[in-house]
Amino acid sequence: MSEPSSQPSAPETQEKKGLLPKGMILPLVIASALFLENMDSTVLATSLPAIALDLHQDPIVLKLAFTSYLLSLAVFIPISG
């Protein structure tokens, strides 16, 4: 009969790892931020006529506000880090 081994079994020797490899976290965060920024602008562009109707304004008038909002996002998101 064999004697019990003093070495730990394979599952005990492996370190526990997270769900994602260490090098994948930063690209995933950046991709998520870019996706949310694009989703935000798409939702606003789609809902702009309804917002204009509720404010009793012409949608063309609100395009200036929409453009300035997107321009401020493009400037201040990289600055904020």
PDB file of N, CA and C in Angstrom:
ATOM      1  N   MET A   1       0.840  -1.165   0.000  1.00  0.00           N
ATOM      2  CA  MET A   1       0.000   0.000   0.000  1.00  0.00           C
ATOM      3  C   MET A   1       0.886   1.229   0.000  1.00  0.00           C
ATOM      4  N   SER A   2       0.401   2.244  -0.620  1.00  0.00           N
ATOM      5  CA  SER A   2       1.203   3.469  -0.697  1.00  0.00           C
ATOM      6  C   SER A   2       0.960   4.332   0.527  1.00  0.00           C
ATOM      7  N   GLU A   3       2.021   5.030   0.877  1.00  0.00           N
ATOM      8  CA  GLU A   3       1.918   5.921   2.024  1.00  0.00           C
ATOM      9  C   GLU A   3       1.399   7.275   1.553  1.00  0.00           C
ATOM     10  N   PRO A   4       0.715   8.004   2.413  1.00  0.00           N
ATOM     11  CA  PRO A   4       0.207   9.321   2.013  1.00  0.00           C
ATOM     12  C   PRO A   4       1.378  10.263   1.712  1.00  0.00           C
ATOM     13  N   SER A   5       1.205  11.027   0.674  1.00  0.00           N
ATOM     14  CA  SER A   5       2.243  11.961   0.246  1.00  0.00           C
ATOM     15  C   SER A   5       2.214  13.206   1.126  1.00  0.00           C
ATOM     16  N   SER A   6       3.405  13.741   1.388  1.00  0.00           N
ATOM     17  CA  SER A   6       3.480  14.950   2.206  1.00  0.00           C
ATOM     18  C   SER A   6       3.316  16.211   1.365  1.00  0.00           C
ATOM     19  N   GLN A   7       3.297  16.079   0.045  1.00  0.00           N
ATOM     20  CA  GLN A   7       3.126  17.245  -0.814  1.00  0.00           C
ATOM     21  C   GLN A   7       1.636  17.540  -0.992  1.00  0.00           C
ATOM     22  N   PRO A   8       1.289  18.823  -1.031  1.00  0.00           N
ATOM     23  CA  PRO A   8      -0.126  19.162  -1.221  1.00  0.00           C
ATOM     24  C   PRO A   8      -0.582  18.813  -2.638  1.00  0.00           C
ATOM     25  N   SER A   9      -1.859  18.591  -2.761  1.00  0.00           N
ATOM     26  CA  SER A   9      -2.399  18.243  -4.081  1.00  0.00           C
ATOM     27  C   SER A   9      -2.391  19.466  -5.001  1.00  0.00           C
ATOM     28  N   ALA A  10      -2.609  19.233  -6.274  1.00  0.00           N
ATOM     29  CA  ALA A  10      -2.503  20.286  -7.291  1.00  0.00           C
ATOM     30  C   ALA A  10      -3.440  21.478  -7.039  1.00  0.00           C
ATOM     31  N   PRO A  11      -4.714  21.298  -6.687  1.00  0.00           N
ATOM     32  CA  PRO A  11      -5.571  22.469  -6.466  1.00  0.00           C
ATOM     33  C   PRO A  11      -5.093  23.346  -5.311  1.00  0.00           C
ATOM     34  N   GLU A  12      -4.453  22.761  -4.327  1.00  0.00           N
ATOM     35  CA  GLU A  12      -3.993  23.547  -3.188  1.00  0.00           C
ATOM     36  C   GLU A  12      -2.768  24.381  -3.538  1.00  0.00           C
ATOM     37  N   THR A  13      -1.973  23.954  -4.489  1.00  0.00           N
ATOM     38  CA  THR A  13      -0.763  24.686  -4.830  1.00  0.00           C
ATOM     39  C   THR A  13      -1.027  25.850  -5.768  1.00  0.00           C
ATOM     40  N   GLN A  14      -2.122  25.811  -6.513  1.00  0.00           N
ATOM     41  CA  GLN A  14      -2.417  26.903  -7.423  1.00  0.00           C
ATOM     42  C   GLN A  14      -3.029  28.068  -6.654  1.00  0.00           C
ATOM     43  N   GLU A  15      -2.567  29.273  -7.030  1.00  0.00           N
ATOM     44  CA  GLU A  15      -3.139  30.456  -6.398  1.00  0.00           C
ATOM     45  C   GLU A  15      -4.500  30.748  -7.007  1.00  0.00           C
ATOM     46  N   LYS A  16      -5.362  31.312  -6.207  1.00  0.00           N
ATOM     47  CA  LYS A  16      -6.672  31.674  -6.722  1.00  0.00           C
ATOM     48  C   LYS A  16      -6.519  32.919  -7.587  1.00  0.00           C
ATOM     49  N   LYS A  17      -7.143  32.880  -8.735  1.00  0.00           N
ATOM     50  CA  LYS A  17      -7.081  34.006  -9.655  1.00  0.00           C
ATOM     51  C   LYS A  17      -8.463  34.614  -9.784  1.00  0.00           C
ATOM     52  N   GLY A  18      -8.501  35.904 -10.188  1.00  0.00           N
ATOM     53  CA  GLY A  18      -9.764  36.588 -10.390  1.00  0.00           C
ATOM     54  C   GLY A  18     -10.453  36.095 -11.644  1.00  0.00           C
ATOM     55  N   LEU A  19     -11.555  36.715 -11.940  1.00  0.00           N
ATOM     56  CA  LEU A  19     -12.309  36.326 -13.121  1.00  0.00           C
ATOM     57  C   LEU A  19     -11.603  36.730 -14.411  1.00  0.00           C
ATOM     58  N   LEU A  20     -10.872  37.854 -14.363  1.00  0.00           N
ATOM     59  CA  LEU A  20     -10.175  38.350 -15.542  1.00  0.00           C
ATOM     60  C   LEU A  20      -8.676  38.337 -15.309  1.00  0.00           C
ATOM     61  N   PRO A  21      -7.918  38.112 -16.353  1.00  0.00           N
ATOM     62  CA  PRO A  21      -6.463  38.247 -16.217  1.00  0.00           C
ATOM     63  C   PRO A  21      -6.104  39.686 -15.868  1.00  0.00           C
ATOM     64  N   LYS A  22      -4.979  39.859 -15.212  1.00  0.00           N
ATOM     65  CA  LYS A  22      -4.596  41.178 -14.714  1.00  0.00           C
ATOM     66  C   LYS A  22      -4.459  42.205 -15.840  1.00  0.00           C
ATOM     67  N   GLY A  23      -3.995  41.812 -16.995  1.00  0.00           N
ATOM     68  CA  GLY A  23      -3.796  42.735 -18.095  1.00  0.00           C
ATOM     69  C   GLY A  23      -5.064  43.119 -18.836  1.00  0.00           C
ATOM     70  N   MET A  24      -6.193  42.520 -18.509  1.00  0.00           N
ATOM     71  CA  MET A  24      -7.438  42.792 -19.226  1.00  0.00           C
ATOM     72  C   MET A  24      -8.334  43.803 -18.523  1.00  0.00           C
ATOM     73  N   ILE A  25      -8.017  44.172 -17.305  1.00  0.00           N
ATOM     74  CA  ILE A  25      -8.907  45.047 -16.543  1.00  0.00           C
ATOM     75  C   ILE A  25      -8.921  46.458 -17.120  1.00  0.00           C
ATOM     76  N   LEU A  26      -7.776  47.042 -17.375  1.00  0.00           N
ATOM     77  CA  LEU A  26      -7.714  48.415 -17.887  1.00  0.00           C
ATOM     78  C   LEU A  26      -8.368  48.551 -19.263  1.00  0.00           C
ATOM     79  N   PRO A  27      -8.075  47.687 -20.236  1.00  0.00           N
ATOM     80  CA  PRO A  27      -8.783  47.816 -21.518  1.00  0.00           C
ATOM     81  C   PRO A  27     -10.298  47.647 -21.388  1.00  0.00           C
ATOM     82  N   LEU A  28     -10.741  46.808 -20.471  1.00  0.00           N
ATOM     83  CA  LEU A  28     -12.173  46.626 -20.268  1.00  0.00           C
ATOM     84  C   LEU A  28     -12.811  47.882 -19.692  1.00  0.00           C
ATOM     85  N   VAL A  29     -12.135  48.537 -18.778  1.00  0.00           N
ATOM     86  CA  VAL A  29     -12.656  49.779 -18.196  1.00  0.00           C
ATOM     87  C   VAL A  29     -12.731  50.868 -19.263  1.00  0.00           C
ATOM     88  N   ILE A  30     -11.699  50.984 -20.072  1.00  0.00           N
ATOM     89  CA  ILE A  30     -11.682  51.999 -21.126  1.00  0.00           C
ATOM     90  C   ILE A  30     -12.768  51.719 -22.164  1.00  0.00           C
ATOM     91  N   ALA A  31     -12.910  50.479 -22.561  1.00  0.00           N
ATOM     92  CA  ALA A  31     -13.947  50.119 -23.533  1.00  0.00           C
ATOM     93  C   ALA A  31     -15.342  50.381 -22.975  1.00  0.00           C
ATOM     94  N   SER A  32     -15.541  50.110 -21.706  1.00  0.00           N
ATOM     95  CA  SER A  32     -16.846  50.370 -21.083  1.00  0.00           C
ATOM     96  C   SER A  32     -17.151  51.858 -21.053  1.00  0.00           C
ATOM     97  N   ALA A  33     -16.148  52.671 -20.739  1.00  0.00           N
ATOM     98  CA  ALA A  33     -16.358  54.121 -20.702  1.00  0.00           C
ATOM     99  C   ALA A  33     -16.692  54.659 -22.089  1.00  0.00           C
ATOM    100  N   LEU A  34     -16.000  54.182 -23.115  1.00  0.00           N
ATOM    101  CA  LEU A  34     -16.292  54.635 -24.473  1.00  0.00           C
ATOM    102  C   LEU A  34     -17.676  54.175 -24.929  1.00  0.00           C
ATOM    103  N   PHE A  35     -18.051  52.964 -24.557  1.00  0.00           N
ATOM    104  CA  PHE A  35     -19.386  52.463 -24.896  1.00  0.00           C
ATOM    105  C   PHE A  35     -20.465  53.323 -24.239  1.00  0.00           C
ATOM    106  N   LEU A  36     -20.285  53.661 -22.969  1.00  0.00           N
ATOM    107  CA  LEU A  36     -21.287  54.466 -22.272  1.00  0.00           C
ATOM    108  C   LEU A  36     -21.369  55.874 -22.843  1.00  0.00           C
ATOM    109  N   GLU A  37     -20.241  56.435 -23.256  1.00  0.00           N
ATOM    110  CA  GLU A  37     -20.258  57.765 -23.862  1.00  0.00           C
ATOM    111  C   GLU A  37     -21.022  57.733 -25.187  1.00  0.00           C
ATOM    112  N   ASN A  38     -20.788  56.721 -25.994  1.00  0.00           N
ATOM    113  CA  ASN A  38     -21.525  56.600 -27.257  1.00  0.00           C
ATOM    114  C   ASN A  38     -23.011  56.336 -27.022  1.00  0.00           C
ATOM    115  N   MET A  39     -23.314  55.541 -26.017  1.00  0.00           N
ATOM    116  CA  MET A  39     -24.711  55.260 -25.692  1.00  0.00           C
ATOM    117  C   MET A  39     -25.416  56.539 -25.235  1.00  0.00           C
ATOM    118  N   ASP A  40     -24.736  57.355 -24.461  1.00  0.00           N
ATOM    119  CA  ASP A  40     -25.295  58.609 -23.972  1.00  0.00           C
ATOM    120  C   ASP A  40     -25.642  59.533 -25.140  1.00  0.00           C
ATOM    121  N   SER A  41     -24.713  59.690 -26.070  1.00  0.00           N
ATOM    122  CA  SER A  41     -24.975  60.585 -27.196  1.00  0.00           C
ATOM    123  C   SER A  41     -26.074  60.027 -28.101  1.00  0.00           C
ATOM    124  N   THR A  42     -26.156  58.725 -28.245  1.00  0.00           N
ATOM    125  CA  THR A  42     -27.203  58.120 -29.067  1.00  0.00           C
ATOM    126  C   THR A  42     -28.578  58.322 -28.442  1.00  0.00           C
ATOM    127  N   VAL A  43     -28.658  58.146 -27.140  1.00  0.00           N
ATOM    128  CA  VAL A  43     -29.942  58.327 -26.451  1.00  0.00           C
ATOM    129  C   VAL A  43     -30.391  59.782 -26.553  1.00  0.00           C
ATOM    130  N   LEU A  44     -29.457  60.703 -26.371  1.00  0.00           N
ATOM    131  CA  LEU A  44     -29.821  62.113 -26.467  1.00  0.00           C
ATOM    132  C   LEU A  44     -30.252  62.495 -27.878  1.00  0.00           C
ATOM    133  N   ALA A  45     -29.529  62.024 -28.869  1.00  0.00           N
ATOM    134  CA  ALA A  45     -29.894  62.355 -30.250  1.00  0.00           C
ATOM    135  C   ALA A  45     -31.260  61.782 -30.614  1.00  0.00           C
ATOM    136  N   THR A  46     -31.574  60.610 -30.091  1.00  0.00           N
ATOM    137  CA  THR A  46     -32.861  59.974 -30.393  1.00  0.00           C
ATOM    138  C   THR A  46     -34.009  60.674 -29.676  1.00  0.00           C
ATOM    139  N   SER A  47     -33.764  61.117 -28.452  1.00  0.00           N
ATOM    140  CA  SER A  47     -34.836  61.720 -27.665  1.00  0.00           C
ATOM    141  C   SER A  47     -34.954  63.227 -27.850  1.00  0.00           C
ATOM    142  N   LEU A  48     -34.088  63.846 -28.630  1.00  0.00           N
ATOM    143  CA  LEU A  48     -34.109  65.298 -28.795  1.00  0.00           C
ATOM    144  C   LEU A  48     -35.443  65.829 -29.349  1.00  0.00           C
ATOM    145  N   PRO A  49     -36.065  65.197 -30.345  1.00  0.00           N
ATOM    146  CA  PRO A  49     -37.374  65.709 -30.799  1.00  0.00           C
ATOM    147  C   PRO A  49     -38.453  65.667 -29.708  1.00  0.00           C
ATOM    148  N   ALA A  50     -38.451  64.639 -28.884  1.00  0.00           N
ATOM    149  CA  ALA A  50     -39.442  64.559 -27.800  1.00  0.00           C
ATOM    150  C   ALA A  50     -39.181  65.620 -26.739  1.00  0.00           C
ATOM    151  N   ILE A  51     -37.912  65.868 -26.450  1.00  0.00           N
ATOM    152  CA  ILE A  51     -37.566  66.918 -25.484  1.00  0.00           C
ATOM    153  C   ILE A  51     -37.987  68.281 -26.029  1.00  0.00           C
ATOM    154  N   ALA A  52     -37.738  68.506 -27.317  1.00  0.00           N
ATOM    155  CA  ALA A  52     -38.131  69.771 -27.925  1.00  0.00           C
ATOM    156  C   ALA A  52     -39.642  69.951 -27.899  1.00  0.00           C
ATOM    157  N   LEU A  53     -40.383  68.886 -28.126  1.00  0.00           N
ATOM    158  CA  LEU A  53     -41.842  68.963 -28.078  1.00  0.00           C
ATOM    159  C   LEU A  53     -42.322  69.323 -26.675  1.00  0.00           C
ATOM    160  N   ASP A  54     -41.729  68.716 -25.652  1.00  0.00           N
ATOM    161  CA  ASP A  54     -42.116  69.021 -24.275  1.00  0.00           C
ATOM    162  C   ASP A  54     -41.769  70.452 -23.878  1.00  0.00           C
ATOM    163  N   LEU A  55     -40.699  70.994 -24.447  1.00  0.00           N
ATOM    164  CA  LEU A  55     -40.287  72.369 -24.124  1.00  0.00           C
ATOM    165  C   LEU A  55     -40.897  73.398 -25.069  1.00  0.00           C
ATOM    166  N   HIS A  56     -41.746  72.939 -25.996  1.00  0.00           N
ATOM    167  CA  HIS A  56     -42.392  73.804 -26.984  1.00  0.00           C
ATOM    168  C   HIS A  56     -41.354  74.591 -27.785  1.00  0.00           C
ATOM    169  N   GLN A  57     -40.323  73.901 -28.213  1.00  0.00           N
ATOM    170  CA  GLN A  57     -39.261  74.508 -29.020  1.00  0.00           C
ATOM    171  C   GLN A  57     -39.101  73.714 -30.310  1.00  0.00           C
ATOM    172  N   ASP A  58     -38.451  74.363 -31.269  1.00  0.00           N
ATOM    173  CA  ASP A  58     -38.112  73.694 -32.506  1.00  0.00           C
ATOM    174  C   ASP A  58     -36.901  72.794 -32.239  1.00  0.00           C
ATOM    175  N   PRO A  59     -36.884  71.548 -32.729  1.00  0.00           N
ATOM    176  CA  PRO A  59     -35.725  70.672 -32.477  1.00  0.00           C
ATOM    177  C   PRO A  59     -34.407  71.247 -32.993  1.00  0.00           C
ATOM    178  N   ILE A  60     -34.473  72.088 -34.040  1.00  0.00           N
ATOM    179  CA  ILE A  60     -33.252  72.690 -34.564  1.00  0.00           C
ATOM    180  C   ILE A  60     -32.618  73.612 -33.530  1.00  0.00           C
ATOM    181  N   VAL A  61     -33.444  74.277 -32.738  1.00  0.00           N
ATOM    182  CA  VAL A  61     -32.932  75.173 -31.702  1.00  0.00           C
ATOM    183  C   VAL A  61     -32.160  74.376 -30.644  1.00  0.00           C
ATOM    184  N   LEU A  62     -32.653  73.201 -30.323  1.00  0.00           N
ATOM    185  CA  LEU A  62     -31.995  72.389 -29.297  1.00  0.00           C
ATOM    186  C   LEU A  62     -30.744  71.690 -29.815  1.00  0.00           C
ATOM    187  N   LYS A  63     -30.555  71.659 -31.128  1.00  0.00           N
ATOM    188  CA  LYS A  63     -29.331  71.057 -31.678  1.00  0.00           C
ATOM    189  C   LYS A  63     -28.088  71.790 -31.176  1.00  0.00           C
ATOM    190  N   LEU A  64     -28.189  73.111 -30.983  1.00  0.00           N
ATOM    191  CA  LEU A  64     -27.057  73.880 -30.462  1.00  0.00           C
ATOM    192  C   LEU A  64     -26.710  73.418 -29.051  1.00  0.00           C
ATOM    193  N   ALA A  65     -27.710  73.200 -28.224  1.00  0.00           N
ATOM    194  CA  ALA A  65     -27.461  72.710 -26.869  1.00  0.00           C
ATOM    195  C   ALA A  65     -26.864  71.301 -26.903  1.00  0.00           C
ATOM    196  N   PHE A  66     -27.372  70.475 -27.788  1.00  0.00           N
ATOM    197  CA  PHE A  66     -26.866  69.106 -27.927  1.00  0.00           C
ATOM    198  C   PHE A  66     -25.413  69.101 -28.394  1.00  0.00           C
ATOM    199  N   THR A  67     -25.112  69.943 -29.378  1.00  0.00           N
ATOM    200  CA  THR A  67     -23.742  70.033 -29.888  1.00  0.00           C
ATOM    201  C   THR A  67     -22.787  70.553 -28.820  1.00  0.00           C
ATOM    202  N   SER A  68     -23.208  71.554 -28.055  1.00  0.00           N
ATOM    203  CA  SER A  68     -22.337  72.077 -27.001  1.00  0.00           C
ATOM    204  C   SER A  68     -22.128  71.046 -25.887  1.00  0.00           C
ATOM    205  N   TYR A  69     -23.161  70.256 -25.606  1.00  0.00           N
ATOM    206  CA  TYR A  69     -23.021  69.196 -24.605  1.00  0.00           C
ATOM    207  C   TYR A  69     -21.998  68.154 -25.058  1.00  0.00           C
ATOM    208  N   LEU A  70     -22.105  67.709 -26.307  1.00  0.00           N
ATOM    209  CA  LEU A  70     -21.157  66.710 -26.812  1.00  0.00           C
ATOM    210  C   LEU A  70     -19.744  67.269 -26.901  1.00  0.00           C
ATOM    211  N   LEU A  71     -19.612  68.539 -27.256  1.00  0.00           N
ATOM    212  CA  LEU A  71     -18.298  69.169 -27.314  1.00  0.00           C
ATOM    213  C   LEU A  71     -17.684  69.265 -25.926  1.00  0.00           C
ATOM    214  N   SER A  72     -18.484  69.615 -24.933  1.00  0.00           N
ATOM    215  CA  SER A  72     -17.954  69.676 -23.566  1.00  0.00           C
ATOM    216  C   SER A  72     -17.559  68.288 -23.061  1.00  0.00           C
ATOM    217  N   LEU A  73     -18.317  67.255 -23.437  1.00  0.00           N
ATOM    218  CA  LEU A  73     -17.920  65.891 -23.082  1.00  0.00           C
ATOM    219  C   LEU A  73     -16.580  65.528 -23.705  1.00  0.00           C
ATOM    220  N   ALA A  74     -16.432  65.868 -24.983  1.00  0.00           N
ATOM    221  CA  ALA A  74     -15.187  65.538 -25.683  1.00  0.00           C
ATOM    222  C   ALA A  74     -13.986  66.250 -25.078  1.00  0.00           C
ATOM    223  N   VAL A  75     -14.193  67.428 -24.513  1.00  0.00           N
ATOM    224  CA  VAL A  75     -13.087  68.188 -23.921  1.00  0.00           C
ATOM    225  C   VAL A  75     -12.803  67.744 -22.494  1.00  0.00           C
ATOM    226  N   PHE A  76     -13.852  67.618 -21.675  1.00  0.00           N
ATOM    227  CA  PHE A  76     -13.641  67.451 -20.244  1.00  0.00           C
ATOM    228  C   PHE A  76     -13.468  66.002 -19.785  1.00  0.00           C
ATOM    229  N   ILE A  77     -13.930  65.032 -20.526  1.00  0.00           N
ATOM    230  CA  ILE A  77     -13.728  63.641 -20.105  1.00  0.00           C
ATOM    231  C   ILE A  77     -12.247  63.265 -20.119  1.00  0.00           C
ATOM    232  N   PRO A  78     -11.482  63.582 -21.162  1.00  0.00           N
ATOM    233  CA  PRO A  78     -10.045  63.264 -21.089  1.00  0.00           C
ATOM    234  C   PRO A  78      -9.316  64.061 -20.005  1.00  0.00           C
ATOM    235  N   ILE A  79      -9.740  65.282 -19.766  1.00  0.00           N
ATOM    236  CA  ILE A  79      -9.078  66.103 -18.739  1.00  0.00           C
ATOM    237  C   ILE A  79      -9.328  65.520 -17.352  1.00  0.00           C
ATOM    238  N   SER A  80     -10.543  65.035 -17.119  1.00  0.00           N
ATOM    239  CA  SER A  80     -10.877  64.524 -15.774  1.00  0.00           C
ATOM    240  C   SER A  80     -10.218  63.189 -15.471  1.00  0.00           C
ATOM    241  N   GLY A  81      -9.718  62.519 -16.505  1.00  0.00           N
ATOM    242  CA  GLY A  81      -8.990  61.278 -16.264  1.00  0.00           C
ATOM    243  C   GLY A  81      -9.891  60.132 -16.348  1.00  0.00           C
TER     244      GLY A  81
END
